[in-house]
Each structure stands twice: as structure tokens, then as C-alpha cells.
Amino acid sequence: MSSLVFLLMMLGGLLLLIVLVGGEVWNHVWRFQRRRRMARINRYRPRNVWRRLRKKPVYEVDLPTIRDFVLTLQLSLSLAETLAGALAQAARQFGDRGTFGDRLTTRVRSQLQVEPEAVIRALAGDFQSEHMHDLADRLDMSHEGGLSYSEAVNTSLDDIEEVIRIGVEKEIERAPVVLTIPMIIGVFFSALAILGYPLLIVMFKTVGTATVGQ
């Protein structure tokens, strides 16, 4: 009988571990599914639907690429280049950087001679980038005499680098949790595989002995 009690205690402990680990895993699964549902909802927002109806392509660009682009503008302006010259230099440097380089080259060729600030504004519209919109707003202020182009670019670069830094810190904070859960699951299933079979043998023997004894 003592063996049966011990076996039940072990099974209860395993069940409790399953509940604790399973709850944490389910929390991450639920968050992932929520992000997927939000992505589907965003597809049907009026602006996105209108873009698809107009068959206007939606381009994507990551934040490090935008950071590199703004940094290129900063370096060119620090060498006493005009904004138009800085954009032309960026177009040459980013010409082989995929979609962003293609759109930058196209915008520079079509709009640089009209108004350099319009190139940034057009890129912000192409990629629906909040940071590019902010840069365009600051360059418009510079054009009106509120601040220099270098100050506008430096401020935007600081904002982008701050966002990247915060993102890296969040990933570092998440890393222990992301790594711990697979380790716990791996140890749990290994322990279950090692202990489960002998426990089942003991349980069947105990039940069989108790049945024979009755």
C-alpha cells in the first residue's frame, strides 16, 4: 500500500509540473496567436484595403536599414554636402540594398531636382515608415528655417537608435525566459520517460498484488 501512495504522490507531482509548465507555454502560445489575429485585422483596415484596391505595392524595410540611410545622410551633411548631394550619395551607396535601394534610386531620379525633401516624404509613403515621416517633417521645418538639415537628421538618427536600443534590451530580457521553457520541457519529458516506465511497472505490480491478496 505504501508503494501505491508513493506512486500517487509521484504522479501528483508530475501533474503539478505539467500544469505549471503548460500554463507558461500556453501564455506564449496565446500571445503569438493574438499577434497573428491582429495582423489579419490590420489587413482589413481602410488604408490597407484602399492601397490594395489601387494596386499600389506595399514595400517593407527594417529599422537598421533606415538607420543606415539616415546615418549616410548625416555623414554627407557633416562634409558640407547639400541635402540633394547627400541623397544622391545615399542612392549610389544603397543601390544594391534590395527594395529600399530600388525605391530610393527611383525617387532620387524623379523628385530630387524638384525638391529634395519630397524624396524623403515619398519614401515614407512607400514604406509606411513612422521614422521616415518624422524625418520628412523635420526636413520641412529645416526648409522653412526652423533648424538646420544636420540638426534634423541628427535628431532623427538619435530617435531611431534609441528605438533599436530598447528593442535589443527587450530581446535580452526575453532571452532567459525563451531559453528556460525549452530546457524545462526537455528535462520534464526526459524525466517522464526515465521514471514513467518503472512507475507504471510498480503500479501494475502493486495493483496486481492487491487484487490477488483480496
N, C-alpha and C. Protein backbone atom coordinates (compact mmCIF):
# COMPACT_ATOMS: atom_id res chain seq x y z
N MET A 1 0.83 -1.21 0.00
CA MET A 1 0.00 0.00 0.00
C MET A 1 0.86 1.26 0.00
N SER A 2 2.00 1.20 0.74
CA SER A 2 2.89 2.36 0.78
C SER A 2 3.45 2.67 -0.61
N SER A 3 3.70 1.62 -1.39
CA SER A 3 4.19 1.83 -2.75
C SER A 3 3.15 2.53 -3.60
N LEU A 4 1.87 2.20 -3.38
CA LEU A 4 0.81 2.84 -4.14
C LEU A 4 0.69 4.31 -3.77
N VAL A 5 0.83 4.62 -2.48
CA VAL A 5 0.78 6.02 -2.03
C VAL A 5 1.93 6.81 -2.62
N PHE A 6 3.13 6.20 -2.60
CA PHE A 6 4.29 6.87 -3.19
C PHE A 6 4.10 7.12 -4.67
N LEU A 7 3.52 6.12 -5.33
CA LEU A 7 3.28 6.26 -6.76
C LEU A 7 2.29 7.38 -7.05
N LEU A 8 1.23 7.45 -6.24
CA LEU A 8 0.24 8.52 -6.42
C LEU A 8 0.86 9.89 -6.16
N MET A 9 1.74 9.98 -5.17
CA MET A 9 2.42 11.25 -4.89
C MET A 9 3.30 11.66 -6.06
N MET A 10 4.00 10.69 -6.64
CA MET A 10 4.84 11.00 -7.78
C MET A 10 4.01 11.47 -8.98
N LEU A 11 2.90 10.78 -9.21
CA LEU A 11 2.03 11.19 -10.32
C LEU A 11 1.44 12.57 -10.07
N GLY A 12 1.09 12.85 -8.81
CA GLY A 12 0.58 14.19 -8.48
C GLY A 12 1.61 15.27 -8.72
N GLY A 13 2.88 14.95 -8.35
CA GLY A 13 3.95 15.91 -8.60
C GLY A 13 4.16 16.17 -10.08
N LEU A 14 4.11 15.10 -10.87
CA LEU A 14 4.25 15.25 -12.32
C LEU A 14 3.10 16.06 -12.90
N LEU A 15 1.89 15.81 -12.39
CA LEU A 15 0.73 16.57 -12.86
C LEU A 15 0.86 18.05 -12.53
N LEU A 16 1.34 18.35 -11.31
CA LEU A 16 1.55 19.74 -10.93
C LEU A 16 2.59 20.40 -11.83
N LEU A 17 3.66 19.68 -12.16
CA LEU A 17 4.69 20.23 -13.05
C LEU A 17 4.12 20.50 -14.43
N ILE A 18 3.25 19.58 -14.90
CA ILE A 18 2.63 19.78 -16.20
C ILE A 18 1.78 21.05 -16.20
N VAL A 19 1.02 21.25 -15.11
CA VAL A 19 0.15 22.43 -15.02
C VAL A 19 0.98 23.71 -15.02
N LEU A 20 2.08 23.73 -14.24
CA LEU A 20 2.91 24.94 -14.15
C LEU A 20 3.60 25.25 -15.48
N VAL A 21 4.23 24.23 -16.06
CA VAL A 21 4.94 24.43 -17.32
C VAL A 21 3.94 24.71 -18.45
N GLY A 22 2.84 23.93 -18.44
CA GLY A 22 1.85 24.11 -19.50
C GLY A 22 1.23 25.49 -19.48
N GLY A 23 1.03 26.06 -18.28
CA GLY A 23 0.47 27.41 -18.20
C GLY A 23 1.37 28.45 -18.82
N GLU A 24 2.67 28.34 -18.57
CA GLU A 24 3.63 29.29 -19.15
C GLU A 24 3.69 29.13 -20.66
N VAL A 25 3.72 27.89 -21.12
CA VAL A 25 3.76 27.65 -22.56
C VAL A 25 2.51 28.18 -23.23
N TRP A 26 1.35 27.93 -22.61
CA TRP A 26 0.10 28.40 -23.18
C TRP A 26 0.06 29.93 -23.26
N ASN A 27 0.65 30.60 -22.26
CA ASN A 27 0.69 32.06 -22.27
C ASN A 27 1.44 32.56 -23.50
N HIS A 28 2.57 31.94 -23.83
CA HIS A 28 3.34 32.37 -25.01
C HIS A 28 2.58 32.03 -26.29
N VAL A 29 1.93 30.86 -26.31
CA VAL A 29 1.16 30.49 -27.50
C VAL A 29 0.02 31.47 -27.72
N TRP A 30 -0.64 31.86 -26.62
CA TRP A 30 -1.77 32.79 -26.73
C TRP A 30 -1.30 34.14 -27.25
N ARG A 31 -0.15 34.64 -26.79
CA ARG A 31 0.38 35.91 -27.28
C ARG A 31 0.70 35.82 -28.77
N PHE A 32 1.31 34.69 -29.18
CA PHE A 32 1.65 34.52 -30.59
C PHE A 32 0.39 34.53 -31.45
N GLN A 33 -0.64 33.80 -31.01
CA GLN A 33 -1.89 33.77 -31.77
C GLN A 33 -2.55 35.14 -31.80
N ARG A 34 -2.43 35.90 -30.71
CA ARG A 34 -3.01 37.24 -30.68
C ARG A 34 -2.35 38.15 -31.70
N ARG A 35 -1.01 38.06 -31.81
CA ARG A 35 -0.31 38.86 -32.82
C ARG A 35 -0.75 38.47 -34.22
N ARG A 36 -0.97 37.16 -34.44
CA ARG A 36 -1.43 36.73 -35.76
C ARG A 36 -2.82 37.27 -36.07
N ARG A 37 -3.70 37.28 -35.04
CA ARG A 37 -5.05 37.81 -35.27
C ARG A 37 -5.00 39.32 -35.56
N MET A 38 -4.12 40.04 -34.84
CA MET A 38 -4.00 41.47 -35.08
C MET A 38 -3.47 41.74 -36.48
N ALA A 39 -2.55 40.89 -36.95
CA ALA A 39 -2.03 41.06 -38.31
C ALA A 39 -3.14 40.89 -39.34
N ARG A 40 -4.03 39.91 -39.09
CA ARG A 40 -5.15 39.72 -40.02
C ARG A 40 -6.08 40.92 -39.99
N ILE A 41 -6.33 41.45 -38.78
CA ILE A 41 -7.21 42.63 -38.66
C ILE A 41 -6.62 43.82 -39.40
N ASN A 42 -5.30 44.01 -39.27
CA ASN A 42 -4.65 45.14 -39.94
C ASN A 42 -4.79 45.07 -41.45
N ARG A 43 -4.89 43.85 -41.97
CA ARG A 43 -5.05 43.72 -43.43
C ARG A 43 -6.34 44.35 -43.91
N TYR A 44 -7.35 44.44 -43.05
CA TYR A 44 -8.65 44.94 -43.47
C TYR A 44 -8.92 46.37 -42.99
N ARG A 45 -7.89 47.05 -42.53
CA ARG A 45 -8.04 48.46 -42.20
C ARG A 45 -8.27 49.25 -43.49
N PRO A 46 -9.07 50.32 -43.40
CA PRO A 46 -9.42 51.06 -44.64
C PRO A 46 -8.21 51.48 -45.46
N ARG A 47 -7.15 51.94 -44.81
CA ARG A 47 -5.99 52.41 -45.57
C ARG A 47 -5.35 51.27 -46.35
N ASN A 48 -5.19 50.10 -45.68
CA ASN A 48 -4.56 48.97 -46.36
C ASN A 48 -5.45 48.41 -47.47
N VAL A 49 -6.76 48.37 -47.21
CA VAL A 49 -7.67 47.91 -48.25
C VAL A 49 -7.62 48.84 -49.45
N TRP A 50 -7.60 50.16 -49.19
CA TRP A 50 -7.54 51.14 -50.27
C TRP A 50 -6.27 50.98 -51.09
N ARG A 51 -5.15 50.71 -50.42
CA ARG A 51 -3.89 50.51 -51.15
C ARG A 51 -3.98 49.29 -52.05
N ARG A 52 -4.60 48.21 -51.55
CA ARG A 52 -4.72 47.02 -52.38
C ARG A 52 -5.66 47.26 -53.56
N LEU A 53 -6.75 48.01 -53.32
CA LEU A 53 -7.67 48.29 -54.41
C LEU A 53 -7.00 49.13 -55.49
N ARG A 54 -6.14 50.03 -55.07
CA ARG A 54 -5.41 50.86 -56.04
C ARG A 54 -4.23 50.10 -56.66
N LYS A 55 -3.99 48.88 -56.15
CA LYS A 55 -2.88 48.05 -56.61
C LYS A 55 -1.55 48.75 -56.44
N LYS A 56 -1.47 49.55 -55.38
CA LYS A 56 -0.21 50.21 -55.06
C LYS A 56 0.64 49.28 -54.22
N PRO A 57 1.84 48.97 -54.65
CA PRO A 57 2.64 47.99 -53.90
C PRO A 57 2.99 48.48 -52.50
N VAL A 58 3.00 47.56 -51.55
CA VAL A 58 3.38 47.86 -50.18
C VAL A 58 4.80 47.34 -49.98
N TYR A 59 5.71 48.22 -49.70
CA TYR A 59 7.10 47.84 -49.54
C TYR A 59 7.42 47.72 -48.05
N GLU A 60 8.44 46.93 -47.76
CA GLU A 60 8.86 46.74 -46.39
C GLU A 60 10.34 47.06 -46.25
N VAL A 61 10.69 47.62 -45.10
CA VAL A 61 12.09 47.92 -44.81
C VAL A 61 12.29 47.77 -43.31
N ASP A 62 13.43 47.22 -42.92
CA ASP A 62 13.68 47.06 -41.49
C ASP A 62 14.32 48.34 -40.93
N LEU A 63 14.26 48.45 -39.61
CA LEU A 63 14.73 49.67 -38.96
C LEU A 63 16.24 49.87 -39.10
N PRO A 64 17.07 48.82 -39.03
CA PRO A 64 18.51 49.04 -39.25
C PRO A 64 18.84 49.64 -40.61
N THR A 65 18.07 49.28 -41.65
CA THR A 65 18.31 49.87 -42.97
C THR A 65 17.99 51.36 -42.96
N ILE A 66 16.88 51.72 -42.30
CA ILE A 66 16.55 53.15 -42.19
C ILE A 66 17.63 53.86 -41.40
N ARG A 67 18.11 53.23 -40.33
CA ARG A 67 19.19 53.83 -39.53
C ARG A 67 20.43 54.07 -40.38
N ASP A 68 20.80 53.08 -41.20
CA ASP A 68 21.98 53.23 -42.07
C ASP A 68 21.77 54.35 -43.08
N PHE A 69 20.56 54.46 -43.61
CA PHE A 69 20.26 55.52 -44.58
C PHE A 69 20.39 56.90 -43.94
N VAL A 70 19.80 57.06 -42.76
CA VAL A 70 19.88 58.36 -42.07
C VAL A 70 21.33 58.65 -41.67
N LEU A 71 22.08 57.62 -41.28
CA LEU A 71 23.48 57.82 -40.94
C LEU A 71 24.28 58.28 -42.16
N THR A 72 23.96 57.74 -43.32
CA THR A 72 24.62 58.18 -44.55
C THR A 72 24.34 59.66 -44.82
N LEU A 73 23.09 60.07 -44.62
CA LEU A 73 22.76 61.49 -44.79
C LEU A 73 23.54 62.33 -43.79
N GLN A 74 23.64 61.86 -42.56
CA GLN A 74 24.36 62.61 -41.53
C GLN A 74 25.82 62.80 -41.92
N LEU A 75 26.45 61.72 -42.37
CA LEU A 75 27.87 61.82 -42.74
C LEU A 75 28.06 62.75 -43.93
N SER A 76 27.18 62.69 -44.91
CA SER A 76 27.32 63.57 -46.09
C SER A 76 27.11 65.02 -45.71
N LEU A 77 26.12 65.28 -44.86
CA LEU A 77 25.87 66.67 -44.44
C LEU A 77 27.00 67.20 -43.57
N SER A 78 27.64 66.31 -42.81
CA SER A 78 28.78 66.76 -41.99
C SER A 78 29.97 67.16 -42.84
N LEU A 79 30.00 66.69 -44.09
CA LEU A 79 31.06 67.07 -45.03
C LEU A 79 30.66 68.26 -45.89
N ALA A 80 29.68 69.03 -45.41
CA ALA A 80 29.21 70.25 -46.08
C ALA A 80 28.50 69.95 -47.39
N GLU A 81 27.95 68.77 -47.53
CA GLU A 81 27.13 68.45 -48.69
C GLU A 81 25.76 69.09 -48.53
N THR A 82 25.13 69.40 -49.64
CA THR A 82 23.74 69.83 -49.60
C THR A 82 22.85 68.60 -49.38
N LEU A 83 21.57 68.83 -49.04
CA LEU A 83 20.66 67.71 -48.87
C LEU A 83 20.51 66.93 -50.17
N ALA A 84 20.47 67.65 -51.29
CA ALA A 84 20.38 66.97 -52.58
C ALA A 84 21.61 66.12 -52.84
N GLY A 85 22.78 66.63 -52.51
CA GLY A 85 24.01 65.86 -52.68
C GLY A 85 24.05 64.66 -51.75
N ALA A 86 23.54 64.83 -50.52
CA ALA A 86 23.52 63.72 -49.57
C ALA A 86 22.59 62.60 -50.05
N LEU A 87 21.45 62.99 -50.62
CA LEU A 87 20.52 61.99 -51.14
C LEU A 87 21.09 61.28 -52.36
N ALA A 88 21.78 62.02 -53.21
CA ALA A 88 22.41 61.40 -54.37
C ALA A 88 23.48 60.40 -53.94
N GLN A 89 24.26 60.76 -52.92
CA GLN A 89 25.28 59.86 -52.40
C GLN A 89 24.63 58.62 -51.79
N ALA A 90 23.53 58.80 -51.06
CA ALA A 90 22.82 57.67 -50.46
C ALA A 90 22.27 56.74 -51.53
N ALA A 91 21.77 57.30 -52.62
CA ALA A 91 21.24 56.48 -53.71
C ALA A 91 22.35 55.62 -54.33
N ARG A 92 23.52 56.18 -54.47
CA ARG A 92 24.64 55.39 -55.01
C ARG A 92 25.06 54.30 -54.03
N GLN A 93 25.05 54.61 -52.75
CA GLN A 93 25.51 53.65 -51.74
C GLN A 93 24.49 52.53 -51.51
N PHE A 94 23.20 52.85 -51.61
CA PHE A 94 22.15 51.88 -51.31
C PHE A 94 21.56 51.25 -52.58
N GLY A 95 22.20 51.46 -53.70
CA GLY A 95 21.64 50.96 -54.94
C GLY A 95 21.45 49.46 -54.99
N ASP A 96 22.27 48.73 -54.23
CA ASP A 96 22.18 47.26 -54.23
C ASP A 96 21.58 46.73 -52.94
N ARG A 97 20.83 47.57 -52.22
CA ARG A 97 20.23 47.15 -50.94
C ARG A 97 18.77 46.75 -51.11
N GLY A 98 18.48 45.98 -52.13
CA GLY A 98 17.14 45.43 -52.30
C GLY A 98 16.09 46.46 -52.65
N THR A 99 14.89 46.24 -52.09
CA THR A 99 13.74 47.09 -52.41
C THR A 99 13.98 48.53 -52.00
N PHE A 100 14.57 48.72 -50.82
CA PHE A 100 14.81 50.10 -50.36
C PHE A 100 15.74 50.83 -51.32
N GLY A 101 16.80 50.18 -51.74
CA GLY A 101 17.71 50.82 -52.69
C GLY A 101 17.04 51.14 -54.01
N ASP A 102 16.18 50.25 -54.49
CA ASP A 102 15.47 50.49 -55.74
C ASP A 102 14.53 51.69 -55.63
N ARG A 103 13.77 51.74 -54.54
CA ARG A 103 12.83 52.85 -54.37
C ARG A 103 13.57 54.16 -54.16
N LEU A 104 14.68 54.12 -53.42
CA LEU A 104 15.46 55.34 -53.20
C LEU A 104 16.01 55.86 -54.52
N THR A 105 16.55 54.97 -55.34
CA THR A 105 17.09 55.38 -56.63
C THR A 105 15.99 55.97 -57.51
N THR A 106 14.83 55.32 -57.51
CA THR A 106 13.71 55.81 -58.33
C THR A 106 13.26 57.19 -57.87
N ARG A 107 13.12 57.37 -56.57
CA ARG A 107 12.66 58.67 -56.04
C ARG A 107 13.69 59.77 -56.28
N VAL A 108 14.97 59.44 -56.14
CA VAL A 108 16.01 60.44 -56.38
C VAL A 108 15.98 60.88 -57.84
N ARG A 109 15.83 59.96 -58.76
CA ARG A 109 15.81 60.31 -60.18
C ARG A 109 14.58 61.15 -60.55
N SER A 110 13.46 60.87 -59.92
CA SER A 110 12.22 61.53 -60.33
C SER A 110 11.91 62.80 -59.56
N GLN A 111 12.41 62.93 -58.32
CA GLN A 111 11.97 64.04 -57.48
C GLN A 111 13.08 64.88 -56.89
N LEU A 112 14.33 64.46 -57.04
CA LEU A 112 15.41 65.20 -56.39
C LEU A 112 15.54 66.60 -56.94
N GLN A 113 15.41 66.77 -58.25
CA GLN A 113 15.57 68.10 -58.85
C GLN A 113 14.42 69.03 -58.50
N VAL A 114 13.27 68.46 -58.20
CA VAL A 114 12.11 69.29 -57.85
C VAL A 114 12.23 69.81 -56.43
N GLU A 115 12.43 68.88 -55.48
CA GLU A 115 12.54 69.25 -54.06
C GLU A 115 13.15 68.08 -53.32
N PRO A 116 14.34 68.24 -52.72
CA PRO A 116 14.97 67.11 -52.03
C PRO A 116 14.11 66.54 -50.90
N GLU A 117 13.41 67.42 -50.18
CA GLU A 117 12.57 66.94 -49.08
C GLU A 117 11.48 66.00 -49.57
N ALA A 118 11.04 66.18 -50.82
CA ALA A 118 9.99 65.33 -51.36
C ALA A 118 10.45 63.89 -51.52
N VAL A 119 11.77 63.67 -51.69
CA VAL A 119 12.29 62.31 -51.79
C VAL A 119 12.03 61.55 -50.50
N ILE A 120 12.33 62.18 -49.36
CA ILE A 120 12.11 61.55 -48.06
C ILE A 120 10.62 61.31 -47.84
N ARG A 121 9.81 62.30 -48.18
CA ARG A 121 8.37 62.16 -47.99
C ARG A 121 7.82 61.00 -48.84
N ALA A 122 8.31 60.89 -50.07
CA ALA A 122 7.85 59.81 -50.95
C ALA A 122 8.29 58.45 -50.41
N LEU A 123 9.52 58.36 -49.90
CA LEU A 123 9.99 57.10 -49.32
C LEU A 123 9.16 56.72 -48.09
N ALA A 124 8.82 57.72 -47.29
CA ALA A 124 7.99 57.46 -46.11
C ALA A 124 6.65 56.89 -46.52
N GLY A 125 6.09 57.39 -47.62
CA GLY A 125 4.83 56.86 -48.11
C GLY A 125 4.97 55.47 -48.70
N ASP A 126 6.09 55.23 -49.40
CA ASP A 126 6.32 53.91 -49.99
C ASP A 126 6.37 52.81 -48.93
N PHE A 127 7.08 53.09 -47.84
CA PHE A 127 7.33 52.07 -46.83
C PHE A 127 6.45 52.23 -45.59
N GLN A 128 5.60 53.26 -45.58
CA GLN A 128 4.75 53.50 -44.42
C GLN A 128 5.57 53.50 -43.13
N SER A 129 6.67 54.27 -43.16
CA SER A 129 7.61 54.30 -42.05
C SER A 129 7.38 55.53 -41.19
N GLU A 130 7.09 55.31 -39.92
CA GLU A 130 6.88 56.43 -38.99
C GLU A 130 8.15 57.25 -38.85
N HIS A 131 9.29 56.59 -38.81
CA HIS A 131 10.56 57.31 -38.63
C HIS A 131 10.89 58.14 -39.87
N MET A 132 10.57 57.64 -41.04
CA MET A 132 10.80 58.42 -42.25
C MET A 132 9.85 59.61 -42.31
N HIS A 133 8.62 59.43 -41.86
CA HIS A 133 7.69 60.56 -41.80
C HIS A 133 8.22 61.64 -40.84
N ASP A 134 8.73 61.20 -39.69
CA ASP A 134 9.29 62.17 -38.73
C ASP A 134 10.47 62.92 -39.34
N LEU A 135 11.33 62.19 -40.05
CA LEU A 135 12.47 62.84 -40.70
C LEU A 135 11.99 63.84 -41.75
N ALA A 136 10.98 63.47 -42.52
CA ALA A 136 10.43 64.38 -43.52
C ALA A 136 9.87 65.64 -42.88
N ASP A 137 9.17 65.49 -41.75
CA ASP A 137 8.62 66.66 -41.05
C ASP A 137 9.74 67.59 -40.59
N ARG A 138 10.80 66.99 -40.05
CA ARG A 138 11.91 67.82 -39.56
C ARG A 138 12.64 68.51 -40.72
N LEU A 139 12.77 67.82 -41.85
CA LEU A 139 13.41 68.45 -43.01
C LEU A 139 12.54 69.58 -43.56
N ASP A 140 11.22 69.42 -43.49
CA ASP A 140 10.33 70.51 -43.91
C ASP A 140 10.53 71.72 -43.00
N MET A 141 10.70 71.48 -41.70
CA MET A 141 10.97 72.58 -40.78
C MET A 141 12.30 73.25 -41.11
N SER A 142 13.28 72.42 -41.47
CA SER A 142 14.58 72.98 -41.86
C SER A 142 14.44 73.83 -43.11
N HIS A 143 13.64 73.37 -44.05
CA HIS A 143 13.42 74.12 -45.29
C HIS A 143 12.78 75.48 -45.01
N GLU A 144 11.94 75.52 -43.96
CA GLU A 144 11.27 76.77 -43.60
C GLU A 144 12.11 77.63 -42.67
N GLY A 145 13.27 77.11 -42.24
CA GLY A 145 14.18 77.91 -41.44
C GLY A 145 14.12 77.66 -39.96
N GLY A 146 13.43 76.58 -39.52
CA GLY A 146 13.32 76.31 -38.09
C GLY A 146 14.59 75.74 -37.48
N LEU A 147 15.30 74.91 -38.22
CA LEU A 147 16.56 74.32 -37.77
C LEU A 147 17.33 73.88 -39.00
N SER A 148 18.60 73.49 -38.78
CA SER A 148 19.43 73.11 -39.92
C SER A 148 19.12 71.66 -40.32
N TYR A 149 19.52 71.33 -41.56
CA TYR A 149 19.34 69.97 -42.03
C TYR A 149 20.12 68.98 -41.15
N SER A 150 21.31 69.36 -40.75
CA SER A 150 22.13 68.47 -39.92
C SER A 150 21.44 68.19 -38.58
N GLU A 151 20.85 69.23 -37.99
CA GLU A 151 20.14 69.02 -36.72
C GLU A 151 18.92 68.12 -36.90
N ALA A 152 18.21 68.30 -37.99
CA ALA A 152 17.04 67.46 -38.26
C ALA A 152 17.44 66.00 -38.42
N VAL A 153 18.51 65.75 -39.18
CA VAL A 153 18.97 64.38 -39.40
C VAL A 153 19.52 63.78 -38.12
N ASN A 154 20.29 64.57 -37.36
CA ASN A 154 20.85 64.06 -36.10
C ASN A 154 19.76 63.67 -35.12
N THR A 155 18.71 64.49 -35.02
CA THR A 155 17.61 64.18 -34.11
C THR A 155 16.90 62.90 -34.52
N SER A 156 16.65 62.73 -35.82
CA SER A 156 16.01 61.51 -36.29
C SER A 156 16.89 60.29 -36.05
N LEU A 157 18.19 60.44 -36.27
CA LEU A 157 19.10 59.32 -36.04
C LEU A 157 19.11 58.92 -34.57
N ASP A 158 19.10 59.90 -33.67
CA ASP A 158 19.07 59.60 -32.24
C ASP A 158 17.79 58.85 -31.87
N ASP A 159 16.66 59.27 -32.43
CA ASP A 159 15.39 58.60 -32.14
C ASP A 159 15.41 57.15 -32.62
N ILE A 160 15.92 56.93 -33.83
CA ILE A 160 15.95 55.57 -34.39
C ILE A 160 16.88 54.67 -33.57
N GLU A 161 18.05 55.19 -33.21
CA GLU A 161 18.98 54.39 -32.43
C GLU A 161 18.42 54.07 -31.05
N GLU A 162 17.64 54.99 -30.48
CA GLU A 162 17.02 54.73 -29.19
C GLU A 162 15.99 53.61 -29.29
N VAL A 163 15.21 53.61 -30.37
CA VAL A 163 14.23 52.54 -30.57
C VAL A 163 14.94 51.20 -30.75
N ILE A 164 16.03 51.19 -31.52
CA ILE A 164 16.78 49.95 -31.72
C ILE A 164 17.37 49.47 -30.40
N ARG A 165 17.90 50.40 -29.60
CA ARG A 165 18.49 50.03 -28.30
C ARG A 165 17.44 49.41 -27.39
N ILE A 166 16.26 50.02 -27.33
CA ILE A 166 15.19 49.49 -26.48
C ILE A 166 14.78 48.10 -26.95
N GLY A 167 14.70 47.91 -28.28
CA GLY A 167 14.35 46.59 -28.81
C GLY A 167 15.38 45.54 -28.44
N VAL A 168 16.67 45.89 -28.50
CA VAL A 168 17.73 44.95 -28.13
C VAL A 168 17.64 44.60 -26.65
N GLU A 169 17.37 45.60 -25.81
CA GLU A 169 17.25 45.33 -24.37
C GLU A 169 16.08 44.41 -24.07
N LYS A 170 14.97 44.60 -24.78
CA LYS A 170 13.81 43.72 -24.57
C LYS A 170 14.13 42.29 -24.98
N GLU A 171 14.87 42.13 -26.10
CA GLU A 171 15.24 40.79 -26.54
C GLU A 171 16.16 40.12 -25.52
N ILE A 172 17.07 40.91 -24.93
CA ILE A 172 17.96 40.37 -23.91
C ILE A 172 17.17 39.93 -22.69
N GLU A 173 16.17 40.74 -22.30
CA GLU A 173 15.35 40.39 -21.15
C GLU A 173 14.50 39.15 -21.41
N ARG A 174 14.07 38.97 -22.66
CA ARG A 174 13.23 37.82 -23.00
C ARG A 174 14.04 36.54 -23.16
N ALA A 175 15.34 36.68 -23.44
CA ALA A 175 16.15 35.50 -23.74
C ALA A 175 16.12 34.45 -22.65
N PRO A 176 16.28 34.80 -21.35
CA PRO A 176 16.24 33.75 -20.32
C PRO A 176 14.92 32.99 -20.31
N VAL A 177 13.80 33.71 -20.49
CA VAL A 177 12.51 33.05 -20.50
C VAL A 177 12.38 32.13 -21.69
N VAL A 178 12.79 32.63 -22.86
CA VAL A 178 12.67 31.84 -24.09
C VAL A 178 13.54 30.58 -24.01
N LEU A 179 14.71 30.69 -23.38
CA LEU A 179 15.60 29.55 -23.29
C LEU A 179 15.21 28.61 -22.15
N THR A 180 14.63 29.17 -21.08
CA THR A 180 14.29 28.36 -19.91
C THR A 180 13.16 27.39 -20.20
N ILE A 181 12.14 27.85 -20.92
CA ILE A 181 10.98 27.00 -21.18
C ILE A 181 11.37 25.74 -21.95
N PRO A 182 12.12 25.82 -23.07
CA PRO A 182 12.54 24.58 -23.74
C PRO A 182 13.38 23.67 -22.84
N MET A 183 14.23 24.28 -21.98
CA MET A 183 15.04 23.47 -21.08
C MET A 183 14.16 22.72 -20.08
N ILE A 184 13.16 23.43 -19.52
CA ILE A 184 12.27 22.78 -18.56
C ILE A 184 11.50 21.65 -19.23
N ILE A 185 10.98 21.95 -20.43
CA ILE A 185 10.22 20.93 -21.14
C ILE A 185 11.09 19.72 -21.47
N GLY A 186 12.33 19.99 -21.90
CA GLY A 186 13.24 18.90 -22.22
C GLY A 186 13.55 18.04 -21.00
N VAL A 187 13.84 18.71 -19.87
CA VAL A 187 14.13 17.96 -18.64
C VAL A 187 12.90 17.19 -18.19
N PHE A 188 11.72 17.84 -18.28
CA PHE A 188 10.49 17.20 -17.82
C PHE A 188 10.20 15.93 -18.61
N PHE A 189 10.25 16.01 -19.93
CA PHE A 189 9.94 14.84 -20.74
C PHE A 189 11.01 13.76 -20.60
N SER A 190 12.25 14.19 -20.39
CA SER A 190 13.30 13.20 -20.16
C SER A 190 13.06 12.46 -18.85
N ALA A 191 12.72 13.25 -17.80
CA ALA A 191 12.43 12.62 -16.51
C ALA A 191 11.20 11.73 -16.60
N LEU A 192 10.21 12.21 -17.36
CA LEU A 192 8.99 11.41 -17.52
C LEU A 192 9.29 10.10 -18.24
N ALA A 193 10.15 10.17 -19.25
CA ALA A 193 10.50 8.95 -19.98
C ALA A 193 11.30 7.98 -19.11
N ILE A 194 12.20 8.55 -18.27
CA ILE A 194 13.04 7.69 -17.44
C ILE A 194 12.26 7.09 -16.27
N LEU A 195 11.43 7.94 -15.64
CA LEU A 195 10.71 7.49 -14.44
C LEU A 195 9.36 6.88 -14.74
N GLY A 196 8.76 7.28 -15.85
CA GLY A 196 7.39 6.85 -16.11
C GLY A 196 7.25 5.34 -16.26
N TYR A 197 8.15 4.74 -17.03
CA TYR A 197 8.04 3.31 -17.28
C TYR A 197 8.19 2.48 -16.00
N PRO A 198 9.25 2.74 -15.19
CA PRO A 198 9.33 1.98 -13.93
C PRO A 198 8.14 2.21 -13.01
N LEU A 199 7.64 3.45 -12.96
CA LEU A 199 6.49 3.72 -12.10
C LEU A 199 5.27 2.95 -12.56
N LEU A 200 5.07 2.85 -13.87
CA LEU A 200 3.94 2.07 -14.38
C LEU A 200 4.09 0.60 -14.02
N ILE A 201 5.32 0.07 -14.12
CA ILE A 201 5.56 -1.33 -13.75
C ILE A 201 5.23 -1.55 -12.28
N VAL A 202 5.73 -0.61 -11.42
CA VAL A 202 5.46 -0.73 -9.99
C VAL A 202 3.96 -0.65 -9.72
N MET A 203 3.26 0.28 -10.43
CA MET A 203 1.83 0.44 -10.21
C MET A 203 1.08 -0.83 -10.57
N PHE A 204 1.40 -1.41 -11.75
CA PHE A 204 0.71 -2.63 -12.17
C PHE A 204 1.00 -3.79 -11.21
N LYS A 205 2.25 -3.89 -10.74
CA LYS A 205 2.59 -4.94 -9.80
C LYS A 205 1.84 -4.78 -8.50
N THR A 206 1.76 -3.48 -8.02
CA THR A 206 1.07 -3.21 -6.76
C THR A 206 -0.41 -3.53 -6.87
N VAL A 207 -1.02 -3.07 -7.99
CA VAL A 207 -2.45 -3.35 -8.20
C VAL A 207 -2.67 -4.85 -8.33
N GLY A 208 -1.78 -5.52 -9.06
CA GLY A 208 -1.93 -6.97 -9.22
C GLY A 208 -1.81 -7.69 -7.91
N THR A 209 -0.83 -7.28 -7.08
CA THR A 209 -0.65 -7.92 -5.76
C THR A 209 -1.87 -7.70 -4.87
N ALA A 210 -2.38 -6.43 -4.90
CA ALA A 210 -3.56 -6.13 -4.08
C ALA A 210 -4.77 -6.93 -4.54
N THR A 211 -4.89 -7.12 -5.84
CA THR A 211 -6.04 -7.90 -6.37
C THR A 211 -5.93 -9.36 -5.97
N VAL A 212 -4.74 -9.94 -6.06
CA VAL A 212 -4.52 -11.32 -5.67
C VAL A 212 -4.76 -11.52 -4.18
N GLY A 213 -4.30 -10.51 -3.40
CA GLY A 213 -4.47 -10.59 -1.95
C GLY A 213 -5.93 -10.59 -1.54
N GLN A 214 -6.76 -9.83 -2.30
CA GLN A 214 -8.19 -9.81 -1.98
C GLN A 214 -8.84 -11.14 -2.35
